[in-house]
């Protein structure tokens, strides 16, 4: 701790706040779940939401699973639309 008028430390170490993006993968996990749900049910809503969350996790939060979330959501979006078209044509 430093005194009010001097700039000399007293031996205590001050640590900064932990990095939020490096420790948690919350957005990525939610994006993966939304991509899987979008493959089966309403892909334009769920998989597109997962894709957007995956991009946010990659660019803003720098999460480790963000690339996987983007791929799963994109596959859920395209695959869900193809599956919906197949089911609708029956």
C-alpha atoms as a PDB file:
ATOM      1  CA  UNK A   1       0.000   0.000   0.000  1.00  0.00           C
ATOM      2  CA  UNK A   2       1.321   3.467  -0.723  1.00  0.00           C
ATOM      3  CA  UNK A   3       0.943   6.519   1.405  1.00  0.00           C
ATOM      4  CA  UNK A   4      -0.957   9.496   0.172  1.00  0.00           C
ATOM      5  CA  UNK A   5       2.119  11.625  -0.539  1.00  0.00           C
ATOM      6  CA  UNK A   6       4.795   9.147  -1.553  1.00  0.00           C
ATOM      7  CA  UNK A   7       4.986   6.748  -4.422  1.00  0.00           C
ATOM      8  CA  UNK A   8       6.892   3.997  -2.606  1.00  0.00           C
ATOM      9  CA  UNK A   9       5.183   0.613  -2.309  1.00  0.00           C
ATOM     10  CA  UNK A  10       4.957  -1.126   1.045  1.00  0.00           C
ATOM     11  CA  UNK A  11       5.461  -4.656  -0.290  1.00  0.00           C
ATOM     12  CA  UNK A  12       1.875  -5.579  -1.032  1.00  0.00           C
ATOM     13  CA  UNK A  13       1.134  -6.746  -4.541  1.00  0.00           C
ATOM     14  CA  UNK A  14      -1.904  -5.548  -6.399  1.00  0.00           C
ATOM     15  CA  UNK A  15      -3.404  -7.824  -8.983  1.00  0.00           C
ATOM     16  CA  UNK A  16      -5.601  -6.651 -11.806  1.00  0.00           C
ATOM     17  CA  UNK A  17      -9.000  -8.027 -12.603  1.00  0.00           C
ATOM     18  CA  UNK A  18      -8.967 -11.483 -14.213  1.00  0.00           C
ATOM     19  CA  UNK A  19      -9.457 -11.688 -17.956  1.00  0.00           C
ATOM     20  CA  UNK A  20     -13.077 -12.525 -18.639  1.00  0.00           C
ATOM     21  CA  UNK A  21     -12.719 -13.856 -22.164  1.00  0.00           C
ATOM     22  CA  UNK A  22      -9.794 -16.156 -21.509  1.00  0.00           C
ATOM     23  CA  UNK A  23     -11.369 -17.988 -18.590  1.00  0.00           C
ATOM     24  CA  UNK A  24     -14.957 -18.606 -19.670  1.00  0.00           C
ATOM     25  CA  UNK A  25     -16.583 -20.056 -22.735  1.00  0.00           C
ATOM     26  CA  UNK A  26     -20.154 -19.181 -21.863  1.00  0.00           C
ATOM     27  CA  UNK A  27     -21.091 -17.508 -25.156  1.00  0.00           C
ATOM     28  CA  UNK A  28     -19.461 -20.312 -27.134  1.00  0.00           C
ATOM     29  CA  UNK A  29     -21.313 -23.051 -25.271  1.00  0.00           C
ATOM     30  CA  UNK A  30     -24.642 -21.270 -25.674  1.00  0.00           C
ATOM     31  CA  UNK A  31     -23.893 -20.810 -29.395  1.00  0.00           C
ATOM     32  CA  UNK A  32     -23.144 -24.537 -29.779  1.00  0.00           C
ATOM     33  CA  UNK A  33     -26.411 -25.466 -28.071  1.00  0.00           C
ATOM     34  CA  UNK A  34     -28.359 -23.022 -30.242  1.00  0.00           C
ATOM     35  CA  UNK A  35     -26.718 -24.443 -33.376  1.00  0.00           C
ATOM     36  CA  UNK A  36     -27.745 -27.985 -32.449  1.00  0.00           C
ATOM     37  CA  UNK A  37     -31.293 -26.900 -31.609  1.00  0.00           C
ATOM     38  CA  UNK A  38     -31.425 -24.967 -34.892  1.00  0.00           C
ATOM     39  CA  UNK A  39     -30.612 -28.125 -36.836  1.00  0.00           C
ATOM     40  CA  UNK A  40     -33.853 -29.678 -35.601  1.00  0.00           C
ATOM     41  CA  UNK A  41     -36.225 -26.789 -34.895  1.00  0.00           C
ATOM     42  CA  UNK A  42     -36.488 -23.286 -36.476  1.00  0.00           C
ATOM     43  CA  UNK A  43     -32.970 -22.941 -37.914  1.00  0.00           C
ATOM     44  CA  UNK A  44     -33.467 -19.354 -39.018  1.00  0.00           C
ATOM     45  CA  UNK A  45     -34.012 -18.350 -35.384  1.00  0.00           C
ATOM     46  CA  UNK A  46     -31.866 -20.647 -33.256  1.00  0.00           C
ATOM     47  CA  UNK A  47     -28.918 -21.411 -35.533  1.00  0.00           C
ATOM     48  CA  UNK A  48     -28.683 -17.821 -36.733  1.00  0.00           C
ATOM     49  CA  UNK A  49     -28.688 -16.669 -33.118  1.00  0.00           C
ATOM     50  CA  UNK A  50     -25.975 -19.203 -32.353  1.00  0.00           C
ATOM     51  CA  UNK A  51     -23.948 -17.978 -35.311  1.00  0.00           C
ATOM     52  CA  UNK A  52     -24.184 -14.390 -34.115  1.00  0.00           C
ATOM     53  CA  UNK A  53     -23.230 -15.387 -30.567  1.00  0.00           C
ATOM     54  CA  UNK A  54     -20.307 -17.417 -31.898  1.00  0.00           C
ATOM     55  CA  UNK A  55     -19.018 -14.431 -33.856  1.00  0.00           C
ATOM     56  CA  UNK A  56     -19.334 -12.228 -30.767  1.00  0.00           C
ATOM     57  CA  UNK A  57     -17.496 -14.846 -28.712  1.00  0.00           C
ATOM     58  CA  UNK A  58     -14.701 -14.914 -31.294  1.00  0.00           C
ATOM     59  CA  UNK A  59     -14.228 -11.202 -31.929  1.00  0.00           C
ATOM     60  CA  UNK A  60     -15.176  -9.501 -28.678  1.00  0.00           C
ATOM     61  CA  UNK A  61     -14.618 -12.066 -25.927  1.00  0.00           C
ATOM     62  CA  UNK A  62     -11.798 -14.126 -27.542  1.00  0.00           C
ATOM     63  CA  UNK A  63     -13.148 -17.445 -26.291  1.00  0.00           C
ATOM     64  CA  UNK A  64     -11.381 -20.700 -27.123  1.00  0.00           C
ATOM     65  CA  UNK A  65     -14.469 -22.605 -28.294  1.00  0.00           C
ATOM     66  CA  UNK A  66     -15.743 -19.809 -30.532  1.00  0.00           C
ATOM     67  CA  UNK A  67     -14.537 -21.367 -33.787  1.00  0.00           C
ATOM     68  CA  UNK A  68     -16.290 -24.629 -32.971  1.00  0.00           C
ATOM     69  CA  UNK A  69     -19.443 -22.695 -32.084  1.00  0.00           C
ATOM     70  CA  UNK A  70     -19.385 -20.855 -35.420  1.00  0.00           C
ATOM     71  CA  UNK A  71     -18.948 -24.105 -37.378  1.00  0.00           C
ATOM     72  CA  UNK A  72     -21.687 -25.949 -35.448  1.00  0.00           C
ATOM     73  CA  UNK A  73     -24.106 -23.035 -35.833  1.00  0.00           C
ATOM     74  CA  UNK A  74     -23.397 -22.700 -39.556  1.00  0.00           C
ATOM     75  CA  UNK A  75     -23.941 -26.435 -40.064  1.00  0.00           C
ATOM     76  CA  UNK A  76     -27.133 -26.195 -37.982  1.00  0.00           C
ATOM     77  CA  UNK A  77     -28.355 -23.290 -40.100  1.00  0.00           C
ATOM     78  CA  UNK A  78     -27.709 -24.884 -43.490  1.00  0.00           C
ATOM     79  CA  UNK A  79     -28.555 -28.419 -42.392  1.00  0.00           C
ATOM     80  CA  UNK A  80     -31.750 -27.312 -40.698  1.00  0.00           C
ATOM     81  CA  UNK A  81     -32.919 -25.507 -43.803  1.00  0.00           C
ATOM     82  CA  UNK A  82     -32.140 -28.509 -46.003  1.00  0.00           C
ATOM     83  CA  UNK A  83     -33.872 -30.849 -43.556  1.00  0.00           C
ATOM     84  CA  UNK A  84     -36.883 -28.517 -43.440  1.00  0.00           C
ATOM     85  CA  UNK A  85     -37.059 -28.435 -47.229  1.00  0.00           C
ATOM     86  CA  UNK A  86     -36.934 -32.229 -47.400  1.00  0.00           C
ATOM     87  CA  UNK A  87     -39.651 -32.624 -44.770  1.00  0.00           C
ATOM     88  CA  UNK A  88     -41.811 -29.951 -46.424  1.00  0.00           C
ATOM     89  CA  UNK A  89     -41.636 -31.626 -49.829  1.00  0.00           C
ATOM     90  CA  UNK A  90     -42.917 -34.973 -48.522  1.00  0.00           C
END
